[in-house]
Amino acid sequence: MERDNQIREFNHVFNLVERKNVSISGVKKVESFDSEEFLIESVMGTIILKGEGLELLKLDTMQGVVTIKGLVNSLTYLDENILKKNKENSVISRLFK
């Protein structure tokens, strides 16, 4: 819990250079990633980063910084209420299938 509070003190900065190099600070956790999509939990919400040839260069959990290279096609911040609703619906739908 202490580590989570430390990360929340960091500013959230997103830096994209020529759609090829991405640096994000204020990162709590990298939920999942592959060469086409990163799902990142930040202090400002969940981020979906999509592209081609995406590669994790640096993950500093103490500083809350992630560095990614590859061609970036889109970046989306997800509304947390939508995420909760989708999770609830998927659990309910699985129960009644």
PDB file of N, CA and C in Angstrom:
ATOM      1  N   MET A   1       0.818  -1.187   0.000  1.00  0.00           N
ATOM      2  CA  MET A   1       0.000   0.000   0.000  1.00  0.00           C
ATOM      3  C   MET A   1       0.866   1.257   0.000  1.00  0.00           C
ATOM      4  N   GLU A   2       1.978   1.232   0.687  1.00  0.00           N
ATOM      5  CA  GLU A   2       2.861   2.388   0.751  1.00  0.00           C
ATOM      6  C   GLU A   2       3.404   2.741  -0.629  1.00  0.00           C
ATOM      7  N   ARG A   3       3.792   1.748  -1.408  1.00  0.00           N
ATOM      8  CA  ARG A   3       4.315   1.972  -2.745  1.00  0.00           C
ATOM      9  C   ARG A   3       3.271   2.636  -3.633  1.00  0.00           C
ATOM     10  N   ASP A   4       1.999   2.214  -3.518  1.00  0.00           N
ATOM     11  CA  ASP A   4       0.919   2.790  -4.308  1.00  0.00           C
ATOM     12  C   ASP A   4       0.767   4.277  -4.000  1.00  0.00           C
ATOM     13  N   ASN A   5       0.888   4.658  -2.738  1.00  0.00           N
ATOM     14  CA  ASN A   5       0.798   6.066  -2.353  1.00  0.00           C
ATOM     15  C   ASN A   5       1.958   6.863  -2.903  1.00  0.00           C
ATOM     16  N   GLN A   6       3.141   6.281  -2.968  1.00  0.00           N
ATOM     17  CA  GLN A   6       4.306   6.966  -3.519  1.00  0.00           C
ATOM     18  C   GLN A   6       4.094   7.282  -4.990  1.00  0.00           C
ATOM     19  N   ILE A   7       3.561   6.356  -5.753  1.00  0.00           N
ATOM     20  CA  ILE A   7       3.348   6.566  -7.186  1.00  0.00           C
ATOM     21  C   ILE A   7       2.311   7.657  -7.413  1.00  0.00           C
ATOM     22  N   ARG A   8       1.285   7.737  -6.589  1.00  0.00           N
ATOM     23  CA  ARG A   8       0.250   8.743  -6.767  1.00  0.00           C
ATOM     24  C   ARG A   8       0.792  10.155  -6.618  1.00  0.00           C
ATOM     25  N   GLU A   9       1.932  10.314  -5.945  1.00  0.00           N
ATOM     26  CA  GLU A   9       2.542  11.621  -5.783  1.00  0.00           C
ATOM     27  C   GLU A   9       3.222  12.090  -7.069  1.00  0.00           C
ATOM     28  N   PHE A  10       3.510  11.192  -7.995  1.00  0.00           N
ATOM     29  CA  PHE A  10       4.173  11.566  -9.233  1.00  0.00           C
ATOM     30  C   PHE A  10       3.203  12.238 -10.190  1.00  0.00           C
ATOM     31  N   ASN A  11       3.739  13.150 -10.980  1.00  0.00           N
ATOM     32  CA  ASN A  11       2.946  13.765 -12.037  1.00  0.00           C
ATOM     33  C   ASN A  11       2.743  12.761 -13.159  1.00  0.00           C
ATOM     34  N   HIS A  12       1.654  12.931 -13.853  1.00  0.00           N
ATOM     35  CA  HIS A  12       1.377  12.083 -15.011  1.00  0.00           C
ATOM     36  C   HIS A  12       1.773  12.868 -16.255  1.00  0.00           C
ATOM     37  N   VAL A  13       2.765  12.359 -16.958  1.00  0.00           N
ATOM     38  CA  VAL A  13       3.242  13.003 -18.181  1.00  0.00           C
ATOM     39  C   VAL A  13       3.302  11.953 -19.274  1.00  0.00           C
ATOM     40  N   PHE A  14       2.776  12.320 -20.430  1.00  0.00           N
ATOM     41  CA  PHE A  14       2.826  11.455 -21.603  1.00  0.00           C
ATOM     42  C   PHE A  14       3.647  12.177 -22.654  1.00  0.00           C
ATOM     43  N   ASN A  15       4.730  11.558 -23.112  1.00  0.00           N
ATOM     44  CA  ASN A  15       5.605  12.172 -24.101  1.00  0.00           C
ATOM     45  C   ASN A  15       5.704  11.246 -25.311  1.00  0.00           C
ATOM     46  N   LEU A  16       5.304  11.746 -26.468  1.00  0.00           N
ATOM     47  CA  LEU A  16       5.346  10.978 -27.715  1.00  0.00           C
ATOM     48  C   LEU A  16       6.209  11.735 -28.708  1.00  0.00           C
ATOM     49  N   VAL A  17       7.255  11.078 -29.212  1.00  0.00           N
ATOM     50  CA  VAL A  17       8.175  11.695 -30.165  1.00  0.00           C
ATOM     51  C   VAL A  17       8.057  10.980 -31.500  1.00  0.00           C
ATOM     52  N   GLU A  18       7.614  11.720 -32.523  1.00  0.00           N
ATOM     53  CA  GLU A  18       7.499  11.222 -33.897  1.00  0.00           C
ATOM     54  C   GLU A  18       6.747   9.901 -34.011  1.00  0.00           C
ATOM     55  N   ARG A  19       5.759   9.702 -33.150  1.00  0.00           N
ATOM     56  CA  ARG A  19       4.936   8.487 -33.132  1.00  0.00           C
ATOM     57  C   ARG A  19       5.751   7.210 -32.967  1.00  0.00           C
ATOM     58  N   LYS A  20       7.012   7.318 -32.527  1.00  0.00           N
ATOM     59  CA  LYS A  20       7.865   6.141 -32.430  1.00  0.00           C
ATOM     60  C   LYS A  20       8.385   5.870 -31.026  1.00  0.00           C
ATOM     61  N   ASN A  21       8.497   6.886 -30.200  1.00  0.00           N
ATOM     62  CA  ASN A  21       9.026   6.717 -28.850  1.00  0.00           C
ATOM     63  C   ASN A  21       8.058   7.323 -27.853  1.00  0.00           C
ATOM     64  N   VAL A  22       7.664   6.529 -26.869  1.00  0.00           N
ATOM     65  CA  VAL A  22       6.678   6.942 -25.878  1.00  0.00           C
ATOM     66  C   VAL A  22       7.278   6.809 -24.488  1.00  0.00           C
ATOM     67  N   SER A  23       7.082   7.842 -23.688  1.00  0.00           N
ATOM     68  CA  SER A  23       7.471   7.789 -22.285  1.00  0.00           C
ATOM     69  C   SER A  23       6.271   8.241 -21.465  1.00  0.00           C
ATOM     70  N   ILE A  24       5.899   7.448 -20.465  1.00  0.00           N
ATOM     71  CA  ILE A  24       4.747   7.760 -19.626  1.00  0.00           C
ATOM     72  C   ILE A  24       5.187   7.699 -18.168  1.00  0.00           C
ATOM     73  N   SER A  25       4.910   8.766 -17.436  1.00  0.00           N
ATOM     74  CA  SER A  25       5.176   8.752 -15.994  1.00  0.00           C
ATOM     75  C   SER A  25       3.843   8.719 -15.255  1.00  0.00           C
ATOM     76  N   GLY A  26       3.908   8.419 -13.968  1.00  0.00           N
ATOM     77  CA  GLY A  26       2.678   8.273 -13.186  1.00  0.00           C
ATOM     78  C   GLY A  26       2.003   6.940 -13.430  1.00  0.00           C
ATOM     79  N   VAL A  27       2.793   5.937 -13.805  1.00  0.00           N
ATOM     80  CA  VAL A  27       2.265   4.605 -14.105  1.00  0.00           C
ATOM     81  C   VAL A  27       2.195   3.772 -12.834  1.00  0.00           C
ATOM     82  N   LYS A  28       1.030   3.213 -12.576  1.00  0.00           N
ATOM     83  CA  LYS A  28       0.845   2.315 -11.434  1.00  0.00           C
ATOM     84  C   LYS A  28       1.225   0.886 -11.801  1.00  0.00           C
ATOM     85  N   LYS A  29       0.730   0.452 -12.989  1.00  0.00           N
ATOM     86  CA  LYS A  29       0.923  -0.956 -13.358  1.00  0.00           C
ATOM     87  C   LYS A  29       0.737  -1.123 -14.862  1.00  0.00           C
ATOM     88  N   VAL A  30       1.517  -2.015 -15.453  1.00  0.00           N
ATOM     89  CA  VAL A  30       1.296  -2.435 -16.834  1.00  0.00           C
ATOM     90  C   VAL A  30       0.492  -3.726 -16.757  1.00  0.00           C
ATOM     91  N   GLU A  31      -0.781  -3.636 -17.136  1.00  0.00           N
ATOM     92  CA  GLU A  31      -1.689  -4.784 -17.030  1.00  0.00           C
ATOM     93  C   GLU A  31      -1.308  -5.882 -18.015  1.00  0.00           C
ATOM     94  N   SER A  32      -1.093  -5.494 -19.275  1.00  0.00           N
ATOM     95  CA  SER A  32      -0.714  -6.465 -20.302  1.00  0.00           C
ATOM     96  C   SER A  32      -0.103  -5.718 -21.466  1.00  0.00           C
ATOM     97  N   PHE A  33       0.658  -6.454 -22.274  1.00  0.00           N
ATOM     98  CA  PHE A  33       1.226  -5.842 -23.467  1.00  0.00           C
ATOM     99  C   PHE A  33       1.660  -6.900 -24.460  1.00  0.00           C
ATOM    100  N   ASP A  34       1.637  -6.504 -25.719  1.00  0.00           N
ATOM    101  CA  ASP A  34       2.214  -7.298 -26.800  1.00  0.00           C
ATOM    102  C   ASP A  34       2.674  -6.317 -27.872  1.00  0.00           C
ATOM    103  N   SER A  35       3.015  -6.806 -29.036  1.00  0.00           N
ATOM    104  CA  SER A  35       3.571  -5.941 -30.078  1.00  0.00           C
ATOM    105  C   SER A  35       2.548  -5.007 -30.712  1.00  0.00           C
ATOM    106  N   GLU A  36       1.251  -5.193 -30.374  1.00  0.00           N
ATOM    107  CA  GLU A  36       0.214  -4.347 -30.966  1.00  0.00           C
ATOM    108  C   GLU A  36      -0.580  -3.531 -29.944  1.00  0.00           C
ATOM    109  N   GLU A  37      -0.485  -3.871 -28.649  1.00  0.00           N
ATOM    110  CA  GLU A  37      -1.304  -3.166 -27.668  1.00  0.00           C
ATOM    111  C   GLU A  37      -0.710  -3.225 -26.266  1.00  0.00           C
ATOM    112  N   PHE A  38      -0.755  -2.083 -25.570  1.00  0.00           N
ATOM    113  CA  PHE A  38      -0.369  -1.998 -24.169  1.00  0.00           C
ATOM    114  C   PHE A  38      -1.584  -1.549 -23.378  1.00  0.00           C
ATOM    115  N   LEU A  39      -1.827  -2.174 -22.236  1.00  0.00           N
ATOM    116  CA  LEU A  39      -2.879  -1.773 -21.311  1.00  0.00           C
ATOM    117  C   LEU A  39      -2.169  -1.337 -20.032  1.00  0.00           C
ATOM    118  N   ILE A  40      -2.259  -0.033 -19.727  1.00  0.00           N
ATOM    119  CA  ILE A  40      -1.472   0.570 -18.651  1.00  0.00           C
ATOM    120  C   ILE A  40      -2.396   1.272 -17.669  1.00  0.00           C
ATOM    121  N   GLU A  41      -2.200   1.007 -16.390  1.00  0.00           N
ATOM    122  CA  GLU A  41      -2.945   1.714 -15.348  1.00  0.00           C
ATOM    123  C   GLU A  41      -2.077   2.858 -14.838  1.00  0.00           C
ATOM    124  N   SER A  42      -2.579   4.088 -14.987  1.00  0.00           N
ATOM    125  CA  SER A  42      -1.841   5.264 -14.548  1.00  0.00           C
ATOM    126  C   SER A  42      -2.613   5.988 -13.447  1.00  0.00           C
ATOM    127  N   VAL A  43      -2.000   7.004 -12.868  1.00  0.00           N
ATOM    128  CA  VAL A  43      -2.661   7.775 -11.824  1.00  0.00           C
ATOM    129  C   VAL A  43      -3.833   8.588 -12.373  1.00  0.00           C
ATOM    130  N   MET A  44      -3.918   8.755 -13.692  1.00  0.00           N
ATOM    131  CA  MET A  44      -5.000   9.496 -14.325  1.00  0.00           C
ATOM    132  C   MET A  44      -6.005   8.587 -15.032  1.00  0.00           C
ATOM    133  N   GLY A  45      -5.884   7.284 -14.854  1.00  0.00           N
ATOM    134  CA  GLY A  45      -6.817   6.344 -15.460  1.00  0.00           C
ATOM    135  C   GLY A  45      -6.109   5.300 -16.289  1.00  0.00           C
ATOM    136  N   THR A  46      -6.883   4.402 -16.845  1.00  0.00           N
ATOM    137  CA  THR A  46      -6.349   3.311 -17.659  1.00  0.00           C
ATOM    138  C   THR A  46      -6.113   3.796 -19.085  1.00  0.00           C
ATOM    139  N   ILE A  47      -4.965   3.411 -19.635  1.00  0.00           N
ATOM    140  CA  ILE A  47      -4.561   3.824 -20.976  1.00  0.00           C
ATOM    141  C   ILE A  47      -4.468   2.595 -21.864  1.00  0.00           C
ATOM    142  N   ILE A  48      -5.017   2.711 -23.076  1.00  0.00           N
ATOM    143  CA  ILE A  48      -4.796   1.686 -24.099  1.00  0.00           C
ATOM    144  C   ILE A  48      -3.957   2.347 -25.198  1.00  0.00           C
ATOM    145  N   LEU A  49      -2.792   1.786 -25.440  1.00  0.00           N
ATOM    146  CA  LEU A  49      -1.888   2.275 -26.474  1.00  0.00           C
ATOM    147  C   LEU A  49      -1.822   1.209 -27.557  1.00  0.00           C
ATOM    148  N   LYS A  50      -2.204   1.567 -28.778  1.00  0.00           N
ATOM    149  CA  LYS A  50      -2.187   0.610 -29.888  1.00  0.00           C
ATOM    150  C   LYS A  50      -1.208   1.059 -30.950  1.00  0.00           C
ATOM    151  N   GLY A  51      -0.611   0.068 -31.623  1.00  0.00           N
ATOM    152  CA  GLY A  51       0.344   0.380 -32.670  1.00  0.00           C
ATOM    153  C   GLY A  51       0.895  -0.861 -33.323  1.00  0.00           C
ATOM    154  N   GLU A  52       2.081  -0.702 -33.908  1.00  0.00           N
ATOM    155  CA  GLU A  52       2.751  -1.802 -34.599  1.00  0.00           C
ATOM    156  C   GLU A  52       4.191  -1.899 -34.116  1.00  0.00           C
ATOM    157  N   GLY A  53       4.651  -3.115 -33.885  1.00  0.00           N
ATOM    158  CA  GLY A  53       6.027  -3.342 -33.449  1.00  0.00           C
ATOM    159  C   GLY A  53       6.338  -2.707 -32.103  1.00  0.00           C
ATOM    160  N   LEU A  54       5.338  -2.646 -31.230  1.00  0.00           N
ATOM    161  CA  LEU A  54       5.537  -2.035 -29.918  1.00  0.00           C
ATOM    162  C   LEU A  54       6.428  -2.918 -29.051  1.00  0.00           C
ATOM    163  N   GLU A  55       7.325  -2.260 -28.335  1.00  0.00           N
ATOM    164  CA  GLU A  55       8.308  -2.976 -27.542  1.00  0.00           C
ATOM    165  C   GLU A  55       8.546  -2.217 -26.235  1.00  0.00           C
ATOM    166  N   LEU A  56       8.508  -2.918 -25.120  1.00  0.00           N
ATOM    167  CA  LEU A  56       8.764  -2.318 -23.817  1.00  0.00           C
ATOM    168  C   LEU A  56      10.269  -2.137 -23.652  1.00  0.00           C
ATOM    169  N   LEU A  57      10.711  -0.885 -23.558  1.00  0.00           N
ATOM    170  CA  LEU A  57      12.130  -0.611 -23.378  1.00  0.00           C
ATOM    171  C   LEU A  57      12.511  -0.496 -21.912  1.00  0.00           C
ATOM    172  N   LYS A  58      11.644   0.166 -21.136  1.00  0.00           N
ATOM    173  CA  LYS A  58      11.967   0.407 -19.730  1.00  0.00           C
ATOM    174  C   LYS A  58      10.693   0.385 -18.899  1.00  0.00           C
ATOM    175  N   LEU A  59      10.767  -0.291 -17.763  1.00  0.00           N
ATOM    176  CA  LEU A  59       9.681  -0.287 -16.789  1.00  0.00           C
ATOM    177  C   LEU A  59      10.314  -0.067 -15.428  1.00  0.00           C
ATOM    178  N   ASP A  60      10.147   1.136 -14.892  1.00  0.00           N
ATOM    179  CA  ASP A  60      10.691   1.483 -13.586  1.00  0.00           C
ATOM    180  C   ASP A  60       9.528   1.589 -12.606  1.00  0.00           C
ATOM    181  N   THR A  61       9.322   0.546 -11.826  1.00  0.00           N
ATOM    182  CA  THR A  61       8.175   0.508 -10.915  1.00  0.00           C
ATOM    183  C   THR A  61       8.358   1.439  -9.724  1.00  0.00           C
ATOM    184  N   MET A  62       9.569   1.735  -9.351  1.00  0.00           N
ATOM    185  CA  MET A  62       9.812   2.644  -8.227  1.00  0.00           C
ATOM    186  C   MET A  62       9.486   4.089  -8.603  1.00  0.00           C
ATOM    187  N   GLN A  63       9.806   4.480  -9.819  1.00  0.00           N
ATOM    188  CA  GLN A  63       9.543   5.840 -10.286  1.00  0.00           C
ATOM    189  C   GLN A  63       8.211   5.952 -11.023  1.00  0.00           C
ATOM    190  N   GLY A  64       7.621   4.822 -11.396  1.00  0.00           N
ATOM    191  CA  GLY A  64       6.349   4.825 -12.115  1.00  0.00           C
ATOM    192  C   GLY A  64       6.486   5.298 -13.546  1.00  0.00           C
ATOM    193  N   VAL A  65       7.566   4.856 -14.214  1.00  0.00           N
ATOM    194  CA  VAL A  65       7.852   5.297 -15.586  1.00  0.00           C
ATOM    195  C   VAL A  65       7.907   4.102 -16.533  1.00  0.00           C
ATOM    196  N   VAL A  66       7.291   4.264 -17.707  1.00  0.00           N
ATOM    197  CA  VAL A  66       7.334   3.247 -18.760  1.00  0.00           C
ATOM    198  C   VAL A  66       7.833   3.912 -20.029  1.00  0.00           C
ATOM    199  N   THR A  67       8.724   3.226 -20.745  1.00  0.00           N
ATOM    200  CA  THR A  67       9.207   3.698 -22.042  1.00  0.00           C
ATOM    201  C   THR A  67       8.935   2.612 -23.071  1.00  0.00           C
ATOM    202  N   ILE A  68       8.322   3.012 -24.185  1.00  0.00           N
ATOM    203  CA  ILE A  68       7.912   2.082 -25.237  1.00  0.00           C
ATOM    204  C   ILE A  68       8.403   2.618 -26.577  1.00  0.00           C
ATOM    205  N   LYS A  69       8.842   1.695 -27.465  1.00  0.00           N
ATOM    206  CA  LYS A  69       9.163   2.117 -28.823  1.00  0.00           C
ATOM    207  C   LYS A  69       8.316   1.317 -29.800  1.00  0.00           C
ATOM    208  N   GLY A  70       8.120   1.885 -30.979  1.00  0.00           N
ATOM    209  CA  GLY A  70       7.304   1.273 -32.011  1.00  0.00           C
ATOM    210  C   GLY A  70       6.373   2.321 -32.599  1.00  0.00           C
ATOM    211  N   LEU A  71       5.699   1.991 -33.668  1.00  0.00           N
ATOM    212  CA  LEU A  71       4.789   2.921 -34.324  1.00  0.00           C
ATOM    213  C   LEU A  71       3.480   3.002 -33.548  1.00  0.00           C
ATOM    214  N   VAL A  72       3.146   4.194 -33.056  1.00  0.00           N
ATOM    215  CA  VAL A  72       1.925   4.404 -32.268  1.00  0.00           C
ATOM    216  C   VAL A  72       0.798   4.834 -33.196  1.00  0.00           C
ATOM    217  N   ASN A  73      -0.305   4.083 -33.174  1.00  0.00           N
ATOM    218  CA  ASN A  73      -1.479   4.401 -33.986  1.00  0.00           C
ATOM    219  C   ASN A  73      -2.577   5.091 -33.191  1.00  0.00           C
ATOM    220  N   SER A  74      -2.714   4.750 -31.908  1.00  0.00           N
ATOM    221  CA  SER A  74      -3.752   5.393 -31.100  1.00  0.00           C
ATOM    222  C   SER A  74      -3.420   5.301 -29.618  1.00  0.00           C
ATOM    223  N   LEU A  75      -3.987   6.255 -28.895  1.00  0.00           N
ATOM    224  CA  LEU A  75      -3.868   6.307 -27.454  1.00  0.00           C
ATOM    225  C   LEU A  75      -5.237   6.681 -26.909  1.00  0.00           C
ATOM    226  N   THR A  76      -5.740   5.897 -25.960  1.00  0.00           N
ATOM    227  CA  THR A  76      -7.068   6.141 -25.410  1.00  0.00           C
ATOM    228  C   THR A  76      -7.026   6.018 -23.894  1.00  0.00           C
ATOM    229  N   TYR A  77      -7.635   6.992 -23.223  1.00  0.00           N
ATOM    230  CA  TYR A  77      -7.859   6.891 -21.785  1.00  0.00           C
ATOM    231  C   TYR A  77      -9.264   6.342 -21.599  1.00  0.00           C
ATOM    232  N   LEU A  78      -9.386   5.281 -20.821  1.00  0.00           N
ATOM    233  CA  LEU A  78     -10.684   4.659 -20.596  1.00  0.00           C
ATOM    234  C   LEU A  78     -11.365   5.251 -19.379  1.00  0.00           C
ATOM    235  N   ASP A  79     -12.671   5.405 -19.463  1.00  0.00           N
ATOM    236  CA  ASP A  79     -13.480   5.851 -18.342  1.00  0.00           C
ATOM    237  C   ASP A  79     -13.601   4.687 -17.368  1.00  0.00           C
ATOM    238  N   GLU A  80     -13.231   4.895 -16.119  1.00  0.00           N
ATOM    239  CA  GLU A  80     -13.242   3.826 -15.116  1.00  0.00           C
ATOM    240  C   GLU A  80     -14.643   3.255 -14.906  1.00  0.00           C
ATOM    241  N   ASN A  81     -15.686   4.077 -15.038  1.00  0.00           N
ATOM    242  CA  ASN A  81     -17.053   3.578 -14.870  1.00  0.00           C
ATOM    243  C   ASN A  81     -17.401   2.573 -15.959  1.00  0.00           C
ATOM    244  N   ILE A  82     -16.939   2.810 -17.167  1.00  0.00           N
ATOM    245  CA  ILE A  82     -17.180   1.885 -18.279  1.00  0.00           C
ATOM    246  C   ILE A  82     -16.464   0.561 -18.007  1.00  0.00           C
ATOM    247  N   LEU A  83     -15.236   0.638 -17.509  1.00  0.00           N
ATOM    248  CA  LEU A  83     -14.479  -0.583 -17.203  1.00  0.00           C
ATOM    249  C   LEU A  83     -15.209  -1.429 -16.162  1.00  0.00           C
ATOM    250  N   LYS A  84     -15.696  -0.790 -15.102  1.00  0.00           N
ATOM    251  CA  LYS A  84     -16.398  -1.530 -14.053  1.00  0.00           C
ATOM    252  C   LYS A  84     -17.666  -2.173 -14.606  1.00  0.00           C
ATOM    253  N   LYS A  85     -18.407  -1.435 -15.421  1.00  0.00           N
ATOM    254  CA  LYS A  85     -19.642  -1.962 -15.995  1.00  0.00           C
ATOM    255  C   LYS A  85     -19.355  -3.159 -16.901  1.00  0.00           C
ATOM    256  N   ASN A  86     -18.308  -3.063 -17.725  1.00  0.00           N
ATOM    257  CA  ASN A  86     -17.951  -4.171 -18.614  1.00  0.00           C
ATOM    258  C   ASN A  86     -17.529  -5.401 -17.826  1.00  0.00           C
ATOM    259  N   LYS A  87     -16.795  -5.213 -16.730  1.00  0.00           N
ATOM    260  CA  LYS A  87     -16.382  -6.350 -15.904  1.00  0.00           C
ATOM    261  C   LYS A  87     -17.590  -7.021 -15.265  1.00  0.00           C
ATOM    262  N   GLU A  88     -18.516  -6.195 -14.757  1.00  0.00           N
ATOM    263  CA  GLU A  88     -19.719  -6.755 -14.147  1.00  0.00           C
ATOM    264  C   GLU A  88     -20.548  -7.520 -15.165  1.00  0.00           C
ATOM    265  N   ASN A  89     -20.716  -6.953 -16.352  1.00  0.00           N
ATOM    266  CA  ASN A  89     -21.496  -7.608 -17.389  1.00  0.00           C
ATOM    267  C   ASN A  89     -20.843  -8.911 -17.826  1.00  0.00           C
ATOM    268  N   SER A  90     -19.554  -8.943 -17.927  1.00  0.00           N
ATOM    269  CA  SER A  90     -18.903 -10.169 -18.388  1.00  0.00           C
ATOM    270  C   SER A  90     -19.028 -11.282 -17.348  1.00  0.00           C
ATOM    271  N   VAL A  91     -18.960 -10.949 -16.066  1.00  0.00           N
ATOM    272  CA  VAL A  91     -19.110 -11.960 -15.021  1.00  0.00           C
ATOM    273  C   VAL A  91     -20.549 -12.494 -15.024  1.00  0.00           C
ATOM    274  N   ILE A  92     -21.503 -11.596 -15.099  1.00  0.00           N
ATOM    275  CA  ILE A  92     -22.923 -11.995 -15.109  1.00  0.00           C
ATOM    276  C   ILE A  92     -23.241 -12.817 -16.351  1.00  0.00           C
ATOM    277  N   SER A  93     -22.758 -12.368 -17.493  1.00  0.00           N
ATOM    278  CA  SER A  93     -23.056 -13.112 -18.728  1.00  0.00           C
ATOM    279  C   SER A  93     -22.432 -14.499 -18.716  1.00  0.00           C
ATOM    280  N   ARG A  94     -21.276 -14.645 -18.088  1.00  0.00           N
ATOM    281  CA  ARG A  94     -20.643 -15.969 -18.004  1.00  0.00           C
ATOM    282  C   ARG A  94     -21.434 -16.897 -17.079  1.00  0.00           C
ATOM    283  N   LEU A  95     -22.021 -16.330 -16.040  1.00  0.00           N
ATOM    284  CA  LEU A  95     -22.800 -17.154 -15.105  1.00  0.00           C
ATOM    285  C   LEU A  95     -24.052 -17.727 -15.759  1.00  0.00           C
ATOM    286  N   PHE A  96     -24.685 -16.950 -16.624  1.00  0.00           N
ATOM    287  CA  PHE A  96     -25.960 -17.356 -17.208  1.00  0.00           C
ATOM    288  C   PHE A  96     -25.846 -17.978 -18.582  1.00  0.00           C
ATOM    289  N   LYS A  97     -24.654 -18.275 -19.049  1.00  0.00           N
ATOM    290  CA  LYS A  97     -24.495 -18.929 -20.346  1.00  0.00           C
ATOM    291  C   LYS A  97     -24.797 -20.382 -20.275  1.00  0.00           C
TER     292      LYS A  97
END
